[in-house]
Amino acid sequence: LFSGTNTDVKPINDFKPGSATKVAFDAAFAGYFGFNQNHADAQD
């Protein structure tokens, strides 16, 4: 229903560990702060 004209393709991808969207988000976080969100420095 929500794919626009790509009616044979799932419109939304999952955001779960290992998924492309989660990997991209983790990379964006690490690229900005210099460490991942579970690093000890994340507290600061």
All heavy atoms as atom14 arrays in JSON, in Angstrom:
{
  "sequence": "LFSGTNTDVKPINDFKPGSATKVAFDAAFAGYFGFNQNHADAQD",
  "atom14_mask": [
    [1, 1, 1, 1, 1, 1, 1, 1, 0, 0, 0, 0, 0, 0],
    [1, 1, 1, 1, 1, 1, 1, 1, 1, 1, 1, 0, 0, 0],
    [1, 1, 1, 1, 1, 1, 0, 0, 0, 0, 0, 0, 0, 0],
    [1, 1, 1, 1, 0, 0, 0, 0, 0, 0, 0, 0, 0, 0],
    [1, 1, 1, 1, 1, 1, 1, 0, 0, 0, 0, 0, 0, 0],
    [1, 1, 1, 1, 1, 1, 1, 1, 0, 0, 0, 0, 0, 0],
    [1, 1, 1, 1, 1, 1, 1, 0, 0, 0, 0, 0, 0, 0],
    [1, 1, 1, 1, 1, 1, 1, 1, 0, 0, 0, 0, 0, 0],
    [1, 1, 1, 1, 1, 1, 1, 0, 0, 0, 0, 0, 0, 0],
    [1, 1, 1, 1, 1, 1, 1, 1, 1, 0, 0, 0, 0, 0],
    [1, 1, 1, 1, 1, 1, 1, 0, 0, 0, 0, 0, 0, 0],
    [1, 1, 1, 1, 1, 1, 1, 1, 0, 0, 0, 0, 0, 0],
    [1, 1, 1, 1, 1, 1, 1, 1, 0, 0, 0, 0, 0, 0],
    [1, 1, 1, 1, 1, 1, 1, 1, 0, 0, 0, 0, 0, 0],
    [1, 1, 1, 1, 1, 1, 1, 1, 1, 1, 1, 0, 0, 0],
    [1, 1, 1, 1, 1, 1, 1, 1, 1, 0, 0, 0, 0, 0],
    [1, 1, 1, 1, 1, 1, 1, 0, 0, 0, 0, 0, 0, 0],
    [1, 1, 1, 1, 0, 0, 0, 0, 0, 0, 0, 0, 0, 0],
    [1, 1, 1, 1, 1, 1, 0, 0, 0, 0, 0, 0, 0, 0],
    [1, 1, 1, 1, 1, 0, 0, 0, 0, 0, 0, 0, 0, 0],
    [1, 1, 1, 1, 1, 1, 1, 0, 0, 0, 0, 0, 0, 0],
    [1, 1, 1, 1, 1, 1, 1, 1, 1, 0, 0, 0, 0, 0],
    [1, 1, 1, 1, 1, 1, 1, 0, 0, 0, 0, 0, 0, 0],
    [1, 1, 1, 1, 1, 0, 0, 0, 0, 0, 0, 0, 0, 0],
    [1, 1, 1, 1, 1, 1, 1, 1, 1, 1, 1, 0, 0, 0],
    [1, 1, 1, 1, 1, 1, 1, 1, 0, 0, 0, 0, 0, 0],
    [1, 1, 1, 1, 1, 0, 0, 0, 0, 0, 0, 0, 0, 0],
    [1, 1, 1, 1, 1, 0, 0, 0, 0, 0, 0, 0, 0, 0],
    [1, 1, 1, 1, 1, 1, 1, 1, 1, 1, 1, 0, 0, 0],
    [1, 1, 1, 1, 1, 0, 0, 0, 0, 0, 0, 0, 0, 0],
    [1, 1, 1, 1, 0, 0, 0, 0, 0, 0, 0, 0, 0, 0],
    [1, 1, 1, 1, 1, 1, 1, 1, 1, 1, 1, 1, 0, 0],
    [1, 1, 1, 1, 1, 1, 1, 1, 1, 1, 1, 0, 0, 0],
    [1, 1, 1, 1, 0, 0, 0, 0, 0, 0, 0, 0, 0, 0],
    [1, 1, 1, 1, 1, 1, 1, 1, 1, 1, 1, 0, 0, 0],
    [1, 1, 1, 1, 1, 1, 1, 1, 0, 0, 0, 0, 0, 0],
    [1, 1, 1, 1, 1, 1, 1, 1, 1, 0, 0, 0, 0, 0],
    [1, 1, 1, 1, 1, 1, 1, 1, 0, 0, 0, 0, 0, 0],
    [1, 1, 1, 1, 1, 1, 1, 1, 1, 1, 0, 0, 0, 0],
    [1, 1, 1, 1, 1, 0, 0, 0, 0, 0, 0, 0, 0, 0],
    [1, 1, 1, 1, 1, 1, 1, 1, 0, 0, 0, 0, 0, 0],
    [1, 1, 1, 1, 1, 0, 0, 0, 0, 0, 0, 0, 0, 0],
    [1, 1, 1, 1, 1, 1, 1, 1, 1, 0, 0, 0, 0, 0],
    [1, 1, 1, 1, 1, 1, 1, 1, 0, 0, 0, 0, 0, 0]
  ],
  "atom14_positions": [
    [[0.8, -1.22, 0.0], [0.0, 0.0, 0.0], [0.84, 1.27, 0.0], [0.43, 2.28, -0.58], [-0.92, 0.01, 1.23], [-2.01, -1.07, 1.3], [-2.77, -0.95, 2.61], [-2.96, -0.94, 0.13], [0.0, 0.0, 0.0], [0.0, 0.0, 0.0], [0.0, 0.0, 0.0], [0.0, 0.0, 0.0], [0.0, 0.0, 0.0], [0.0, 0.0, 0.0]],
    [[2.0, 1.25, 0.66], [2.76, 2.48, 0.87], [4.05, 2.53, 0.04], [4.96, 3.27, 0.38], [3.09, 2.63, 2.36], [1.89, 2.87, 3.22], [1.18, 1.82, 3.77], [1.44, 4.16, 3.47], [0.06, 2.03, 4.56], [0.33, 4.4, 4.26], [-0.37, 3.33, 4.81], [0.0, 0.0, 0.0], [0.0, 0.0, 0.0], [0.0, 0.0, 0.0]],
    [[4.11, 1.76, -1.03], [5.32, 1.71, -1.85], [5.32, 2.69, -3.01], [6.25, 2.68, -3.82], [5.52, 0.29, -2.4], [5.94, -0.59, -1.38], [0.0, 0.0, 0.0], [0.0, 0.0, 0.0], [0.0, 0.0, 0.0], [0.0, 0.0, 0.0], [0.0, 0.0, 0.0], [0.0, 0.0, 0.0], [0.0, 0.0, 0.0], [0.0, 0.0, 0.0]],
    [[4.29, 3.5, -3.13], [4.19, 4.37, -4.28], [3.96, 3.54, -5.53], [3.08, 2.68, -5.55], [0.0, 0.0, 0.0], [0.0, 0.0, 0.0], [0.0, 0.0, 0.0], [0.0, 0.0, 0.0], [0.0, 0.0, 0.0], [0.0, 0.0, 0.0], [0.0, 0.0, 0.0], [0.0, 0.0, 0.0], [0.0, 0.0, 0.0], [0.0, 0.0, 0.0]],
    [[4.76, 3.76, -6.55], [4.63, 2.97, -7.77], [5.42, 1.66, -7.72], [5.25, 0.81, -8.59], [5.09, 3.79, -8.99], [6.44, 4.22, -8.79], [4.19, 4.99, -9.21], [0.0, 0.0, 0.0], [0.0, 0.0, 0.0], [0.0, 0.0, 0.0], [0.0, 0.0, 0.0], [0.0, 0.0, 0.0], [0.0, 0.0, 0.0], [0.0, 0.0, 0.0]],
    [[6.26, 1.48, -6.71], [7.0, 0.21, -6.54], [6.15, -0.77, -5.73], [6.53, -1.19, -4.63], [8.33, 0.44, -5.82], [9.36, 1.11, -6.7], [9.22, 1.13, -7.91], [10.4, 1.65, -6.1], [0.0, 0.0, 0.0], [0.0, 0.0, 0.0], [0.0, 0.0, 0.0], [0.0, 0.0, 0.0], [0.0, 0.0, 0.0], [0.0, 0.0, 0.0]],
    [[5.02, -1.14, -6.27], [4.05, -1.91, -5.49], [4.49, -3.33, -5.17], [3.86, -4.0, -4.36], [2.7, -1.97, -6.24], [2.92, -2.5, -7.56], [2.1, -0.58, -6.35], [0.0, 0.0, 0.0], [0.0, 0.0, 0.0], [0.0, 0.0, 0.0], [0.0, 0.0, 0.0], [0.0, 0.0, 0.0], [0.0, 0.0, 0.0], [0.0, 0.0, 0.0]],
    [[5.55, -3.81, -5.82], [6.01, -5.18, -5.56], [7.2, -5.22, -4.61], [7.8, -6.27, -4.4], [6.4, -5.86, -6.88], [7.49, -5.11, -7.63], [7.68, -3.91, -7.34], [8.14, -5.72, -8.49], [0.0, 0.0, 0.0], [0.0, 0.0, 0.0], [0.0, 0.0, 0.0], [0.0, 0.0, 0.0], [0.0, 0.0, 0.0], [0.0, 0.0, 0.0]],
    [[7.54, -4.07, -3.99], [8.7, -3.99, -3.09], [8.24, -3.49, -1.73], [7.46, -2.53, -1.64], [9.77, -3.03, -3.65], [10.96, -2.96, -2.71], [10.22, -3.5, -5.03], [0.0, 0.0, 0.0], [0.0, 0.0, 0.0], [0.0, 0.0, 0.0], [0.0, 0.0, 0.0], [0.0, 0.0, 0.0], [0.0, 0.0, 0.0], [0.0, 0.0, 0.0]],
    [[8.74, -4.13, -0.64], [8.41, -3.66, 0.7], [8.89, -2.22, 0.87], [10.06, -1.92, 0.61], [9.07, -4.54, 1.76], [8.32, -5.83, 2.05], [8.97, -6.54, 3.23], [8.18, -7.79, 3.59], [8.75, -8.48, 4.77], [0.0, 0.0, 0.0], [0.0, 0.0, 0.0], [0.0, 0.0, 0.0], [0.0, 0.0, 0.0], [0.0, 0.0, 0.0]],
    [[8.03, -1.33, 1.33], [8.43, 0.08, 1.41], [9.42, 0.39, 2.53], [10.27, 1.27, 2.39], [7.1, 0.81, 1.64], [6.19, -0.21, 2.23], [6.6, -1.53, 1.63], [0.0, 0.0, 0.0], [0.0, 0.0, 0.0], [0.0, 0.0, 0.0], [0.0, 0.0, 0.0], [0.0, 0.0, 0.0], [0.0, 0.0, 0.0], [0.0, 0.0, 0.0]],
    [[9.33, -0.29, 3.67], [10.15, 0.05, 4.83], [11.04, -1.13, 5.23], [10.56, -2.26, 5.36], [9.27, 0.46, 6.02], [8.52, 1.76, 5.71], [10.11, 0.66, 7.28], [9.42, 2.96, 5.54], [0.0, 0.0, 0.0], [0.0, 0.0, 0.0], [0.0, 0.0, 0.0], [0.0, 0.0, 0.0], [0.0, 0.0, 0.0], [0.0, 0.0, 0.0]],
    [[12.32, -0.85, 5.43], [13.26, -1.88, 5.89], [13.33, -1.9, 7.41], [13.08, -0.88, 8.07], [14.65, -1.61, 5.32], [14.7, -1.79, 3.81], [14.12, -2.73, 3.28], [15.36, -0.88, 3.11], [0.0, 0.0, 0.0], [0.0, 0.0, 0.0], [0.0, 0.0, 0.0], [0.0, 0.0, 0.0], [0.0, 0.0, 0.0], [0.0, 0.0, 0.0]],
    [[13.66, -3.04, 7.97], [13.74, -3.19, 9.43], [14.91, -2.41, 10.0], [15.93, -2.19, 9.34], [13.88, -4.67, 9.8], [12.61, -5.47, 9.5], [11.53, -4.89, 9.64], [12.72, -6.65, 9.12], [0.0, 0.0, 0.0], [0.0, 0.0, 0.0], [0.0, 0.0, 0.0], [0.0, 0.0, 0.0], [0.0, 0.0, 0.0], [0.0, 0.0, 0.0]],
    [[14.75, -2.01, 11.27], [15.83, -1.36, 12.03], [16.13, -2.27, 13.21], [15.61, -2.12, 14.3], [15.38, 0.03, 12.49], [16.46, 0.78, 13.23], [17.54, 1.31, 12.55], [16.37, 0.97, 14.6], [18.54, 2.01, 13.23], [17.35, 1.68, 15.29], [18.44, 2.2, 14.61], [0.0, 0.0, 0.0], [0.0, 0.0, 0.0], [0.0, 0.0, 0.0]],
    [[16.98, -3.26, 12.93], [17.34, -4.26, 13.93], [18.83, -4.55, 13.83], [19.46, -4.21, 12.82], [16.54, -5.55, 13.7], [15.05, -5.4, 13.93], [14.32, -6.71, 13.67], [12.82, -6.55, 13.93], [12.08, -7.8, 13.68], [0.0, 0.0, 0.0], [0.0, 0.0, 0.0], [0.0, 0.0, 0.0], [0.0, 0.0, 0.0], [0.0, 0.0, 0.0]],
    [[19.43, -5.14, 14.88], [20.86, -5.47, 14.82], [21.2, -6.27, 13.57], [20.55, -7.26, 13.26], [21.07, -6.3, 16.09], [20.04, -5.79, 17.04], [18.83, -5.49, 16.19], [0.0, 0.0, 0.0], [0.0, 0.0, 0.0], [0.0, 0.0, 0.0], [0.0, 0.0, 0.0], [0.0, 0.0, 0.0], [0.0, 0.0, 0.0], [0.0, 0.0, 0.0]],
    [[22.22, -5.79, 12.85], [22.63, -6.47, 11.63], [22.0, -5.94, 10.37], [22.48, -6.21, 9.27], [0.0, 0.0, 0.0], [0.0, 0.0, 0.0], [0.0, 0.0, 0.0], [0.0, 0.0, 0.0], [0.0, 0.0, 0.0], [0.0, 0.0, 0.0], [0.0, 0.0, 0.0], [0.0, 0.0, 0.0], [0.0, 0.0, 0.0], [0.0, 0.0, 0.0]],
    [[20.91, -5.18, 10.5], [20.24, -4.64, 9.32], [21.05, -3.48, 8.75], [21.84, -2.83, 9.46], [18.83, -4.17, 9.66], [18.88, -3.08, 10.56], [0.0, 0.0, 0.0], [0.0, 0.0, 0.0], [0.0, 0.0, 0.0], [0.0, 0.0, 0.0], [0.0, 0.0, 0.0], [0.0, 0.0, 0.0], [0.0, 0.0, 0.0], [0.0, 0.0, 0.0]],
    [[20.83, -3.19, 7.46], [21.59, -2.12, 6.81], [21.3, -0.77, 7.45], [22.21, 0.08, 7.59], [21.24, -2.08, 5.32], [0.0, 0.0, 0.0], [0.0, 0.0, 0.0], [0.0, 0.0, 0.0], [0.0, 0.0, 0.0], [0.0, 0.0, 0.0], [0.0, 0.0, 0.0], [0.0, 0.0, 0.0], [0.0, 0.0, 0.0], [0.0, 0.0, 0.0]],
    [[20.07, -0.55, 7.87], [19.71, 0.73, 8.49], [20.39, 0.88, 9.85], [20.85, 1.98, 10.2], [18.19, 0.82, 8.65], [17.7, -0.37, 9.3], [17.5, 0.95, 7.3], [0.0, 0.0, 0.0], [0.0, 0.0, 0.0], [0.0, 0.0, 0.0], [0.0, 0.0, 0.0], [0.0, 0.0, 0.0], [0.0, 0.0, 0.0], [0.0, 0.0, 0.0]],
    [[20.45, -0.2, 10.62], [21.1, -0.14, 11.94], [22.61, 0.06, 11.8], [23.22, 0.86, 12.54], [20.83, -1.44, 12.71], [21.46, -1.49, 14.11], [20.83, -0.47, 15.03], [21.19, -0.73, 16.49], [22.62, -0.51, 16.8], [0.0, 0.0, 0.0], [0.0, 0.0, 0.0], [0.0, 0.0, 0.0], [0.0, 0.0, 0.0], [0.0, 0.0, 0.0]],
    [[23.21, -0.61, 10.84], [24.65, -0.45, 10.6], [24.94, 1.0, 10.2], [25.93, 1.6, 10.66], [25.12, -1.43, 9.5], [26.55, -1.1, 9.07], [25.04, -2.87, 10.01], [0.0, 0.0, 0.0], [0.0, 0.0, 0.0], [0.0, 0.0, 0.0], [0.0, 0.0, 0.0], [0.0, 0.0, 0.0], [0.0, 0.0, 0.0], [0.0, 0.0, 0.0]],
    [[24.1, 1.57, 9.34], [24.3, 2.95, 8.89], [24.15, 3.92, 10.06], [24.91, 4.9, 10.18], [23.31, 3.28, 7.78], [0.0, 0.0, 0.0], [0.0, 0.0, 0.0], [0.0, 0.0, 0.0], [0.0, 0.0, 0.0], [0.0, 0.0, 0.0], [0.0, 0.0, 0.0], [0.0, 0.0, 0.0], [0.0, 0.0, 0.0], [0.0, 0.0, 0.0]],
    [[23.18, 3.67, 10.93], [22.96, 4.55, 12.09], [24.14, 4.47, 13.05], [24.62, 5.5, 13.54], [21.67, 4.16, 12.8], [21.31, 5.04, 13.95], [20.67, 6.26, 13.74], [21.63, 4.69, 15.27], [20.34, 7.1, 14.79], [21.31, 5.52, 16.33], [20.67, 6.72, 16.09], [0.0, 0.0, 0.0], [0.0, 0.0, 0.0], [0.0, 0.0, 0.0]],
    [[24.63, 3.26, 13.31], [25.78, 3.09, 14.21], [27.01, 3.78, 13.64], [27.79, 4.41, 14.38], [26.07, 1.6, 14.42], [24.98, 0.9, 15.24], [24.18, 1.62, 15.88], [24.93, -0.34, 15.22], [0.0, 0.0, 0.0], [0.0, 0.0, 0.0], [0.0, 0.0, 0.0], [0.0, 0.0, 0.0], [0.0, 0.0, 0.0], [0.0, 0.0, 0.0]],
    [[27.18, 3.67, 12.32], [28.33, 4.3, 11.68], [28.23, 5.82, 11.77], [29.24, 6.52, 11.98], [28.42, 3.87, 10.22], [0.0, 0.0, 0.0], [0.0, 0.0, 0.0], [0.0, 0.0, 0.0], [0.0, 0.0, 0.0], [0.0, 0.0, 0.0], [0.0, 0.0, 0.0], [0.0, 0.0, 0.0], [0.0, 0.0, 0.0], [0.0, 0.0, 0.0]],
    [[27.02, 6.35, 11.64], [26.83, 7.8, 11.73], [27.13, 8.28, 13.15], [27.76, 9.34, 13.34], [25.4, 8.16, 11.35], [0.0, 0.0, 0.0], [0.0, 0.0, 0.0], [0.0, 0.0, 0.0], [0.0, 0.0, 0.0], [0.0, 0.0, 0.0], [0.0, 0.0, 0.0], [0.0, 0.0, 0.0], [0.0, 0.0, 0.0], [0.0, 0.0, 0.0]],
    [[26.72, 7.52, 14.16], [26.99, 7.88, 15.56], [28.49, 7.86, 15.83], [29.04, 8.82, 16.39], [26.27, 6.9, 16.49], [26.35, 7.27, 17.95], [25.33, 7.99, 18.55], [27.45, 6.9, 18.72], [25.39, 8.33, 19.9], [27.53, 7.25, 20.07], [26.5, 7.97, 20.65], [0.0, 0.0, 0.0], [0.0, 0.0, 0.0], [0.0, 0.0, 0.0]],
    [[29.14, 6.78, 15.42], [30.58, 6.66, 15.65], [31.36, 7.72, 14.87], [32.37, 8.25, 15.36], [31.05, 5.26, 15.26], [0.0, 0.0, 0.0], [0.0, 0.0, 0.0], [0.0, 0.0, 0.0], [0.0, 0.0, 0.0], [0.0, 0.0, 0.0], [0.0, 0.0, 0.0], [0.0, 0.0, 0.0], [0.0, 0.0, 0.0], [0.0, 0.0, 0.0]],
    [[30.89, 8.04, 13.68], [31.57, 9.05, 12.87], [31.47, 10.43, 13.49], [32.39, 11.25, 13.35], [0.0, 0.0, 0.0], [0.0, 0.0, 0.0], [0.0, 0.0, 0.0], [0.0, 0.0, 0.0], [0.0, 0.0, 0.0], [0.0, 0.0, 0.0], [0.0, 0.0, 0.0], [0.0, 0.0, 0.0], [0.0, 0.0, 0.0], [0.0, 0.0, 0.0]],
    [[30.39, 10.7, 14.19], [30.21, 12.02, 14.8], [30.94, 12.14, 16.14], [31.63, 13.12, 16.41], [28.72, 12.31, 14.99], [28.43, 13.67, 15.55], [28.35, 14.79, 14.73], [28.25, 13.86, 16.93], [28.1, 16.06, 15.25], [28.0, 15.12, 17.45], [27.92, 16.21, 16.61], [27.67, 17.47, 17.13], [0.0, 0.0, 0.0], [0.0, 0.0, 0.0]],
    [[30.79, 11.11, 17.0], [31.35, 11.19, 18.36], [32.73, 10.56, 18.47], [33.46, 10.82, 19.43], [30.4, 10.52, 19.36], [29.12, 11.27, 19.57], [27.93, 10.8, 19.04], [29.09, 12.46, 20.3], [26.73, 11.49, 19.23], [27.9, 13.15, 20.49], [26.72, 12.67, 19.95], [0.0, 0.0, 0.0], [0.0, 0.0, 0.0], [0.0, 0.0, 0.0]],
    [[33.1, 9.69, 17.55], [34.4, 9.03, 17.63], [34.37, 7.72, 18.39], [35.41, 7.08, 18.55], [0.0, 0.0, 0.0], [0.0, 0.0, 0.0], [0.0, 0.0, 0.0], [0.0, 0.0, 0.0], [0.0, 0.0, 0.0], [0.0, 0.0, 0.0], [0.0, 0.0, 0.0], [0.0, 0.0, 0.0], [0.0, 0.0, 0.0], [0.0, 0.0, 0.0]],
    [[33.21, 7.3, 18.84], [33.03, 6.02, 19.54], [31.58, 5.61, 19.38], [30.72, 6.42, 19.01], [33.4, 6.15, 21.03], [32.8, 7.35, 21.7], [31.48, 7.35, 22.16], [33.55, 8.52, 21.88], [30.92, 8.46, 22.76], [33.0, 9.64, 22.48], [31.67, 9.61, 22.93], [0.0, 0.0, 0.0], [0.0, 0.0, 0.0], [0.0, 0.0, 0.0]],
    [[31.29, 4.32, 19.65], [29.9, 3.86, 19.5], [29.08, 4.18, 20.75], [29.64, 4.58, 21.79], [29.86, 2.36, 19.15], [30.41, 1.48, 20.26], [30.13, 1.69, 21.44], [31.21, 0.49, 19.89], [0.0, 0.0, 0.0], [0.0, 0.0, 0.0], [0.0, 0.0, 0.0], [0.0, 0.0, 0.0], [0.0, 0.0, 0.0], [0.0, 0.0, 0.0]],
    [[27.82, 3.95, 20.66], [26.9, 4.35, 21.72], [27.03, 3.53, 23.0], [26.51, 3.93, 24.05], [25.44, 4.32, 21.22], [24.98, 3.04, 20.58], [25.12, 3.08, 19.07], [26.21, 3.34, 18.57], [24.03, 2.83, 18.35], [0.0, 0.0, 0.0], [0.0, 0.0, 0.0], [0.0, 0.0, 0.0], [0.0, 0.0, 0.0], [0.0, 0.0, 0.0]],
    [[27.71, 2.4, 22.93], [27.9, 1.58, 24.12], [29.3, 1.76, 24.74], [29.64, 1.08, 25.71], [27.68, 0.1, 23.78], [26.22, -0.19, 23.43], [25.31, 0.27, 24.11], [26.0, -0.91, 22.34], [0.0, 0.0, 0.0], [0.0, 0.0, 0.0], [0.0, 0.0, 0.0], [0.0, 0.0, 0.0], [0.0, 0.0, 0.0], [0.0, 0.0, 0.0]],
    [[30.07, 2.68, 24.21], [31.4, 2.96, 24.75], [31.25, 3.72, 26.07], [30.27, 4.43, 26.3], [32.19, 3.8, 23.74], [33.65, 3.88, 24.02], [34.19, 4.8, 24.89], [34.69, 3.14, 23.55], [35.5, 4.65, 24.94], [35.83, 3.63, 24.12], [0.0, 0.0, 0.0], [0.0, 0.0, 0.0], [0.0, 0.0, 0.0], [0.0, 0.0, 0.0]],
    [[32.25, 3.56, 26.94], [32.21, 4.22, 28.26], [32.14, 5.74, 28.12], [31.5, 6.42, 28.93], [33.43, 3.82, 29.07], [0.0, 0.0, 0.0], [0.0, 0.0, 0.0], [0.0, 0.0, 0.0], [0.0, 0.0, 0.0], [0.0, 0.0, 0.0], [0.0, 0.0, 0.0], [0.0, 0.0, 0.0], [0.0, 0.0, 0.0], [0.0, 0.0, 0.0]],
    [[32.77, 6.29, 27.09], [32.77, 7.74, 26.91], [31.39, 8.29, 26.53], [31.18, 9.51, 26.58], [33.77, 8.13, 25.82], [35.22, 7.91, 26.26], [35.44, 7.78, 27.49], [36.11, 7.84, 25.39], [0.0, 0.0, 0.0], [0.0, 0.0, 0.0], [0.0, 0.0, 0.0], [0.0, 0.0, 0.0], [0.0, 0.0, 0.0], [0.0, 0.0, 0.0]],
    [[30.49, 7.4, 26.16], [29.14, 7.85, 25.79], [28.44, 8.49, 26.98], [27.53, 9.31, 26.81], [28.32, 6.69, 25.25], [0.0, 0.0, 0.0], [0.0, 0.0, 0.0], [0.0, 0.0, 0.0], [0.0, 0.0, 0.0], [0.0, 0.0, 0.0], [0.0, 0.0, 0.0], [0.0, 0.0, 0.0], [0.0, 0.0, 0.0], [0.0, 0.0, 0.0]],
    [[28.86, 8.14, 28.19], [28.27, 8.73, 29.4], [28.5, 10.23, 29.45], [27.73, 10.96, 30.08], [28.89, 8.07, 30.64], [28.37, 6.68, 30.96], [27.04, 6.73, 31.68], [26.57, 7.79, 32.1], [26.4, 5.57, 31.82], [0.0, 0.0, 0.0], [0.0, 0.0, 0.0], [0.0, 0.0, 0.0], [0.0, 0.0, 0.0], [0.0, 0.0, 0.0]],
    [[29.57, 10.7, 28.83], [29.94, 12.1, 28.93], [29.34, 12.99, 27.84], [29.64, 14.19, 27.77], [31.48, 12.22, 28.88], [32.14, 11.46, 30.02], [31.55, 11.4, 31.11], [33.24, 10.89, 29.8], [0.0, 0.0, 0.0], [0.0, 0.0, 0.0], [0.0, 0.0, 0.0], [0.0, 0.0, 0.0], [0.0, 0.0, 0.0], [0.0, 0.0, 0.0]]
  ]
}
